């Protein structure tokens, strides 16, 4: 049993607590007032995107979805929280502390849900990572233990995207000021969406009006350093009318059951609140043993995908998640192949 937590709404409550009285808890919001998150069953005609979303949720992987408007990028992002496991007690306490510091008290039963933050592409680097004196949390800290959704990624300034590099690696951000430095938690899951080019019709050259120079400038905003910190790159196209008219896919409840089992396997290997995306090099060697065929597939993929050392390890982490979703003890060649396929920029 952890320490008791009391919600204090005023100085009178604090005085009562000091006198040994426990302030009464506020009445919970009626169940009907708590909006249910949108369901994954709504995402039709995108089996590859749905699978990528499941892998991202299972392993806590950063993902980028590239596709034209109307291909389901934003719809997928807003359904990611519906397949993530609820916050653990420790995570809920962390999220509550951040909300309190930011002056955003958690209400309507939100403690059981992971944060979902979607800042506009005009946000400054300081607004994203935090700043001020005293330091105030930015969007990445408000997304701690939850999802940070960056829509229209190509429209964010390069300086803003570069500010994400270290927090993505460390799970924390250090804000330095003249009076000292403050380190704030920022263990968020990045989910980003982008058009293939500024006009959005990159997959259809007959409709694309962008010059090669504009496309190069657009792609340059996703720097090599940041791209190497994204585990999954999912290329999608607009679904056909027949696919949209078809039956809905699996519900969030069905998919989240598999995600939960995969997370349990990771918890047993790595410890409480740990996921495959956070594995160190030593943990990769100990937890993601590759058979001969898997290693051969990875070596072949190294040249084709021009993997850096960090990229090599990220492929193994994603493959380990694919194996966890399959209930497999070891990482096989099929898991490596799937992980490599999730790094492509063009739709198949």
Protein backbone atom coordinates (compact mmCIF):
# COMPACT_ATOMS: atom_id res chain seq x y z
CA UNK A 1 0.00 0.00 0.00
CA UNK A 2 1.35 3.39 -0.99
CA UNK A 3 0.82 6.66 0.85
CA UNK A 4 -2.69 8.08 1.11
CA UNK A 5 -3.48 10.88 -1.32
CA UNK A 6 -5.93 13.65 -0.49
CA UNK A 7 -7.28 16.17 -2.98
CA UNK A 8 -6.96 19.70 -1.62
CA UNK A 9 -9.14 22.37 -3.16
CA UNK A 10 -8.36 25.27 -0.83
CA UNK A 11 -6.18 26.50 2.04
CA UNK A 12 -8.99 25.44 4.39
CA UNK A 13 -8.52 21.87 3.21
CA UNK A 14 -4.78 22.14 3.88
CA UNK A 15 -5.44 23.48 7.39
CA UNK A 16 -7.88 20.64 8.06
CA UNK A 17 -5.35 18.09 6.88
CA UNK A 18 -2.71 19.57 9.22
CA UNK A 19 -5.22 19.17 12.08
CA UNK A 20 -5.60 15.49 11.31
CA UNK A 21 -8.81 15.73 9.33
CA UNK A 22 -9.12 14.19 5.87
CA UNK A 23 -10.94 16.54 3.51
CA UNK A 24 -13.89 14.97 1.79
CA UNK A 25 -13.27 13.92 -1.79
CA UNK A 26 -15.16 15.76 -4.50
CA UNK A 27 -18.07 13.92 -6.03
CA UNK A 28 -17.05 12.00 -9.14
CA UNK A 29 -18.43 13.13 -12.45
CA UNK A 30 -21.43 11.10 -13.66
CA UNK A 31 -20.39 8.22 -15.88
CA UNK A 32 -22.28 9.72 -18.79
CA UNK A 33 -20.16 12.88 -18.60
CA UNK A 34 -16.91 11.01 -19.20
CA UNK A 35 -16.51 10.78 -22.96
CA UNK A 36 -15.35 7.39 -24.17
CA UNK A 37 -12.26 7.55 -26.39
CA UNK A 38 -12.91 6.92 -30.10
CA UNK A 39 -12.76 3.27 -31.10
CA UNK A 40 -10.27 1.68 -33.48
CA UNK A 41 -13.14 -0.07 -35.26
CA UNK A 42 -13.84 3.27 -36.96
CA UNK A 43 -10.55 3.05 -38.89
CA UNK A 44 -11.58 1.18 -42.05
CA UNK A 45 -9.63 0.16 -45.12
CA UNK A 46 -6.19 0.56 -43.55
CA UNK A 47 -4.98 -2.87 -42.33
CA UNK A 48 -1.32 -1.83 -42.49
CA UNK A 49 -1.96 1.32 -40.48
CA UNK A 50 -3.97 -0.63 -37.92
CA UNK A 51 -1.16 -3.17 -37.55
CA UNK A 52 1.42 -0.41 -37.18
CA UNK A 53 -0.72 1.25 -34.54
CA UNK A 54 -0.92 -2.02 -32.60
CA UNK A 55 2.85 -2.51 -32.73
CA UNK A 56 3.44 1.09 -31.64
CA UNK A 57 1.08 0.65 -28.69
CA UNK A 58 2.54 -2.71 -27.67
CA UNK A 59 6.16 -1.55 -27.58
CA UNK A 60 5.78 2.17 -26.87
CA UNK A 61 7.39 2.97 -30.22
CA UNK A 62 7.59 6.43 -31.79
CA UNK A 63 5.78 6.41 -35.14
CA UNK A 64 5.42 8.61 -38.21
CA UNK A 65 2.52 8.15 -40.65
CA UNK A 66 3.02 9.59 -44.14
CA UNK A 67 0.08 9.91 -46.51
CA UNK A 68 -2.28 12.27 -48.32
CA UNK A 69 -5.19 14.07 -46.65
CA UNK A 70 -8.08 11.73 -45.94
CA UNK A 71 -5.95 8.62 -45.51
CA UNK A 72 -6.75 8.24 -41.80
CA UNK A 73 -3.58 9.63 -40.20
CA UNK A 74 -5.27 11.84 -37.61
CA UNK A 75 -8.04 9.30 -37.03
CA UNK A 76 -5.43 6.66 -36.18
CA UNK A 77 -3.57 8.99 -33.81
CA UNK A 78 -6.68 9.82 -31.82
CA UNK A 79 -7.46 6.12 -31.42
CA UNK A 80 -4.01 5.18 -30.14
CA UNK A 81 -4.94 5.95 -26.49
CA UNK A 82 -7.88 3.53 -26.75
CA UNK A 83 -5.55 0.54 -27.15
CA UNK A 84 -2.92 1.59 -24.60
CA UNK A 85 -3.02 0.03 -21.12
CA UNK A 86 -4.32 2.23 -18.30
CA UNK A 87 -1.86 4.14 -16.16
CA UNK A 88 -0.27 2.20 -13.33
CA UNK A 89 -0.56 3.69 -9.85
CA UNK A 90 2.97 5.08 -10.04
CA UNK A 91 2.36 6.57 -13.48
CA UNK A 92 -0.93 8.10 -12.35
CA UNK A 93 0.83 9.84 -9.45
CA UNK A 94 3.47 11.22 -11.84
CA UNK A 95 0.82 12.52 -14.25
CA UNK A 96 -1.17 14.06 -11.39
CA UNK A 97 1.89 15.91 -10.07
CA UNK A 98 2.59 17.36 -13.51
CA UNK A 99 -1.04 18.43 -13.93
CA UNK A 100 -0.91 20.13 -10.55
CA UNK A 101 2.29 22.04 -11.34
CA UNK A 102 0.85 23.12 -14.69
CA UNK A 103 -2.40 24.26 -13.07
CA UNK A 104 -4.35 21.61 -14.95
CA UNK A 105 -6.03 19.40 -12.32
CA UNK A 106 -7.15 16.02 -13.60
CA UNK A 107 -10.92 15.70 -13.68
CA UNK A 108 -13.64 13.47 -15.09
CA UNK A 109 -11.85 10.23 -14.29
CA UNK A 110 -8.84 11.15 -16.43
CA UNK A 111 -6.35 9.65 -13.96
CA UNK A 112 -6.88 6.21 -15.45
CA UNK A 113 -6.18 7.49 -18.96
CA UNK A 114 -2.92 8.43 -20.55
CA UNK A 115 -2.47 12.06 -21.57
CA UNK A 116 -2.98 12.96 -25.22
CA UNK A 117 -1.46 16.24 -26.36
CA UNK A 118 -1.74 17.65 -29.89
CA UNK A 119 0.04 21.03 -30.15
CA UNK A 120 -0.39 23.15 -33.30
CA UNK A 121 2.51 23.27 -35.74
CA UNK A 122 3.04 26.97 -34.95
CA UNK A 123 4.19 26.16 -31.40
CA UNK A 124 7.64 27.42 -30.43
CA UNK A 125 10.46 25.21 -29.19
CA UNK A 126 9.98 26.70 -25.70
CA UNK A 127 6.28 25.92 -25.78
CA UNK A 128 7.05 22.34 -26.74
CA UNK A 129 9.83 21.54 -24.26
CA UNK A 130 9.05 24.08 -21.52
CA UNK A 131 10.65 27.24 -20.25
CA UNK A 132 10.19 30.37 -18.20
CA UNK A 133 11.36 31.34 -14.74
CA UNK A 134 10.53 29.39 -12.73
CA UNK A 135 10.49 26.66 -15.39
CA UNK A 136 7.01 25.64 -16.56
CA UNK A 137 6.30 22.30 -18.23
CA UNK A 138 5.91 22.27 -22.00
CA UNK A 139 3.82 19.96 -24.15
CA UNK A 140 6.29 17.08 -23.92
CA UNK A 141 6.04 17.06 -20.12
CA UNK A 142 2.25 17.40 -20.23
CA UNK A 143 2.33 14.30 -22.48
CA UNK A 144 4.45 12.33 -19.96
CA UNK A 145 3.31 8.68 -19.85
CA UNK A 146 0.96 9.44 -22.73
CA UNK A 147 0.92 10.39 -26.40
CA UNK A 148 2.34 13.50 -28.09
CA UNK A 149 0.64 13.86 -31.48
CA UNK A 150 2.34 16.15 -33.99
CA UNK A 151 0.02 16.59 -36.97
CA UNK A 152 1.37 18.18 -40.17
CA UNK A 153 4.90 17.37 -39.03
CA UNK A 154 6.44 19.00 -42.09
CA UNK A 155 4.98 22.35 -41.04
CA UNK A 156 6.80 22.46 -37.68
CA UNK A 157 9.98 24.52 -37.69
CA UNK A 158 13.22 22.58 -37.80
CA UNK A 159 14.33 24.17 -34.51
CA UNK A 160 11.17 22.92 -32.82
CA UNK A 161 11.68 19.38 -34.11
CA UNK A 162 15.36 19.41 -33.12
CA UNK A 163 14.30 20.22 -29.56
CA UNK A 164 12.69 16.76 -29.39
CA UNK A 165 15.92 14.85 -30.01
CA UNK A 166 17.25 14.54 -26.47
CA UNK A 167 13.89 14.14 -24.68
CA UNK A 168 13.03 11.26 -27.03
CA UNK A 169 16.28 9.58 -26.04
CA UNK A 170 16.28 10.38 -22.30
CA UNK A 171 12.59 10.51 -21.34
CA UNK A 172 13.29 13.84 -19.63
CA UNK A 173 14.13 17.44 -20.50
CA UNK A 174 16.52 19.82 -18.76
CA UNK A 175 15.65 23.51 -18.81
CA UNK A 176 18.62 25.74 -18.04
CA UNK A 177 18.23 29.28 -16.76
CA UNK A 178 20.55 31.82 -15.14
CA UNK A 179 19.43 30.74 -11.66
CA UNK A 180 20.01 27.05 -12.34
CA UNK A 181 18.60 24.10 -14.22
CA UNK A 182 15.47 22.01 -13.76
CA UNK A 183 14.90 18.51 -15.13
CA UNK A 184 11.29 17.63 -15.95
CA UNK A 185 9.89 14.21 -16.89
CA UNK A 186 9.07 13.72 -20.58
CA UNK A 187 8.58 9.99 -21.17
CA UNK A 188 6.04 10.45 -23.94
CA UNK A 189 5.18 8.33 -26.97
CA UNK A 190 5.59 10.32 -30.18
CA UNK A 191 3.01 9.82 -32.92
CA UNK A 192 3.44 12.11 -35.91
CA UNK A 193 1.63 12.56 -39.21
CA UNK A 194 2.80 14.22 -42.40
CA UNK A 195 1.76 14.71 -45.99
CA UNK A 196 4.18 13.25 -48.57
CA UNK A 197 4.82 16.78 -49.91
CA UNK A 198 3.60 20.35 -49.21
CA UNK A 199 0.53 20.04 -51.45
CA UNK A 200 -0.36 16.62 -50.03
CA UNK A 201 -0.59 14.68 -53.31
CA UNK A 202 2.89 13.21 -53.44
CA UNK A 203 1.64 9.74 -54.33
CA UNK A 204 -0.07 11.12 -57.48
CA UNK A 205 2.42 12.98 -59.66
CA UNK A 206 -0.36 14.18 -61.98
CA UNK A 207 -1.87 16.21 -59.14
CA UNK A 208 1.31 17.20 -57.28
CA UNK A 209 2.30 20.81 -57.99
CA UNK A 210 5.37 20.95 -55.76
CA UNK A 211 8.80 21.64 -57.20
CA UNK A 212 11.69 19.37 -56.34
CA UNK A 213 13.21 22.21 -54.30
CA UNK A 214 10.05 22.62 -52.21
CA UNK A 215 9.91 18.88 -51.56
CA UNK A 216 13.58 18.80 -50.49
CA UNK A 217 13.01 21.70 -48.10
CA UNK A 218 9.90 20.00 -46.75
CA UNK A 219 11.71 16.70 -46.13
CA UNK A 220 14.67 18.48 -44.54
CA UNK A 221 12.50 19.57 -41.62
CA UNK A 222 12.48 15.99 -40.43
CA UNK A 223 16.20 15.96 -39.70
CA UNK A 224 18.25 12.81 -39.91
CA UNK A 225 18.82 12.86 -36.16
CA UNK A 226 15.09 13.02 -35.39
CA UNK A 227 14.22 10.47 -38.08
CA UNK A 228 16.65 8.06 -36.46
CA UNK A 229 14.67 8.34 -33.23
CA UNK A 230 11.42 7.24 -34.88
CA UNK A 231 10.90 3.48 -34.82
CA UNK A 232 8.03 3.10 -37.29
CA UNK A 233 7.40 4.90 -40.59
CA UNK A 234 3.99 3.95 -41.96
CA UNK A 235 3.15 4.93 -45.54
CA UNK A 236 -0.57 5.02 -46.33
CA UNK A 237 -2.87 5.93 -49.21
CA UNK A 238 -6.50 6.97 -49.32
CA UNK A 239 -8.70 3.89 -48.82
CA UNK A 240 -11.01 2.83 -51.63
CA UNK A 241 -14.77 3.36 -51.51
CA UNK A 242 -15.26 -0.39 -51.21
CA UNK A 243 -12.95 -0.53 -48.18
CA UNK A 244 -14.74 2.36 -46.50
CA UNK A 245 -18.11 0.68 -47.08
CA UNK A 246 -16.89 -2.62 -45.66
CA UNK A 247 -17.39 -4.05 -42.21
CA UNK A 248 -15.57 -2.38 -39.30
CA UNK A 249 -12.34 -3.94 -38.15
CA UNK A 250 -11.46 -5.20 -34.70
CA UNK A 251 -12.53 -3.02 -31.81
CA UNK A 252 -10.14 -1.26 -29.47
CA UNK A 253 -11.04 -3.78 -26.77
CA UNK A 254 -9.94 -6.69 -28.97
CA UNK A 255 -6.66 -5.08 -29.98
CA UNK A 256 -5.87 -3.77 -26.49
CA UNK A 257 -6.10 -7.33 -25.15
CA UNK A 258 -3.15 -8.33 -27.35
CA UNK A 259 -1.32 -5.13 -26.44
CA UNK A 260 -1.81 -5.93 -22.75
CA UNK A 261 -0.36 -9.44 -23.16
CA UNK A 262 2.66 -8.06 -25.04
CA UNK A 263 3.20 -5.42 -22.34
CA UNK A 264 3.05 -8.11 -19.66
CA UNK A 265 5.82 -10.03 -21.42
CA UNK A 266 7.92 -6.85 -21.45
CA UNK A 267 7.20 -6.17 -17.80
CA UNK A 268 8.44 -9.64 -16.87
CA UNK A 269 11.66 -9.13 -18.85
CA UNK A 270 12.40 -5.47 -18.16
CA UNK A 271 10.53 -4.47 -15.01
CA UNK A 272 7.54 -2.33 -14.05
CA UNK A 273 6.42 0.36 -16.53
CA UNK A 274 9.15 -0.59 -19.04
CA UNK A 275 8.61 -1.21 -22.75
CA UNK A 276 10.73 -2.48 -25.62
CA UNK A 277 11.33 0.99 -27.03
CA UNK A 278 13.25 1.89 -23.84
CA UNK A 279 15.67 -1.07 -23.95
CA UNK A 280 19.36 -0.32 -23.54
CA UNK A 281 21.99 -2.00 -25.71
CA UNK A 282 22.66 -4.53 -22.95
CA UNK A 283 18.94 -5.27 -22.60
CA UNK A 284 18.63 -5.75 -26.36
CA UNK A 285 21.41 -8.34 -26.27
CA UNK A 286 19.79 -10.14 -23.34
CA UNK A 287 16.13 -9.90 -24.36
CA UNK A 288 16.07 -9.99 -28.15
CA UNK A 289 18.04 -13.06 -29.14
CA UNK A 290 18.05 -13.54 -32.93
CA UNK A 291 18.16 -16.94 -34.57
CA UNK A 292 20.41 -17.49 -37.60
CA UNK A 293 17.72 -16.66 -40.15
CA UNK A 294 16.73 -13.51 -38.26
CA UNK A 295 20.32 -12.29 -38.13
CA UNK A 296 20.77 -12.95 -41.85
CA UNK A 297 17.58 -10.99 -42.59
CA UNK A 298 18.82 -8.07 -40.49
CA UNK A 299 22.22 -8.03 -42.20
CA UNK A 300 20.52 -8.02 -45.61
CA UNK A 301 18.22 -5.21 -44.51
CA UNK A 302 21.13 -3.15 -43.21
CA UNK A 303 22.34 -2.30 -46.68
CA UNK A 304 18.91 -1.87 -48.24
CA UNK A 305 17.72 0.56 -45.55
CA UNK A 306 21.10 2.22 -44.85
CA UNK A 307 20.71 1.59 -41.13
CA UNK A 308 22.83 3.52 -38.66
CA UNK A 309 23.90 1.89 -35.42
CA UNK A 310 20.88 3.40 -33.69
CA UNK A 311 18.63 2.34 -36.56
CA UNK A 312 19.93 -1.24 -36.32
CA UNK A 313 18.96 -1.40 -32.65
CA UNK A 314 15.56 0.16 -33.31
CA UNK A 315 14.76 -2.53 -35.88
CA UNK A 316 15.57 -5.17 -33.26
CA UNK A 317 13.37 -3.43 -30.68
CA UNK A 318 10.41 -3.35 -33.08
CA UNK A 319 11.03 -6.98 -34.06
CA UNK A 320 11.02 -7.90 -30.36
CA UNK A 321 7.60 -6.26 -30.06
CA UNK A 322 6.32 -8.18 -33.09
CA UNK A 323 7.52 -11.38 -31.43
CA UNK A 324 5.78 -10.41 -28.18
CA UNK A 325 2.50 -9.88 -30.03
CA UNK A 326 2.96 -13.36 -31.54
CA UNK A 327 3.73 -14.83 -28.12
CA UNK A 328 7.16 -15.95 -29.40
CA UNK A 329 10.12 -16.41 -27.09
CA UNK A 330 12.78 -15.56 -29.69
CA UNK A 331 12.88 -13.06 -32.53
CA UNK A 332 12.49 -14.78 -35.90
CA UNK A 333 13.21 -13.76 -39.47
CA UNK A 334 9.53 -12.92 -39.99
CA UNK A 335 9.68 -10.44 -37.12
CA UNK A 336 12.79 -8.77 -38.55
CA UNK A 337 11.14 -8.59 -41.97
CA UNK A 338 8.06 -6.90 -40.52
CA UNK A 339 10.17 -4.44 -38.53
CA UNK A 340 12.15 -3.50 -41.66
CA UNK A 341 8.94 -3.06 -43.66
CA UNK A 342 7.79 -0.51 -41.10
CA UNK A 343 10.64 1.87 -41.96
CA UNK A 344 9.56 2.61 -45.54
CA UNK A 345 8.44 6.02 -46.79
CA UNK A 346 6.38 4.88 -49.80
CA UNK A 347 3.12 2.95 -49.65
CA UNK A 348 3.43 -0.63 -50.95
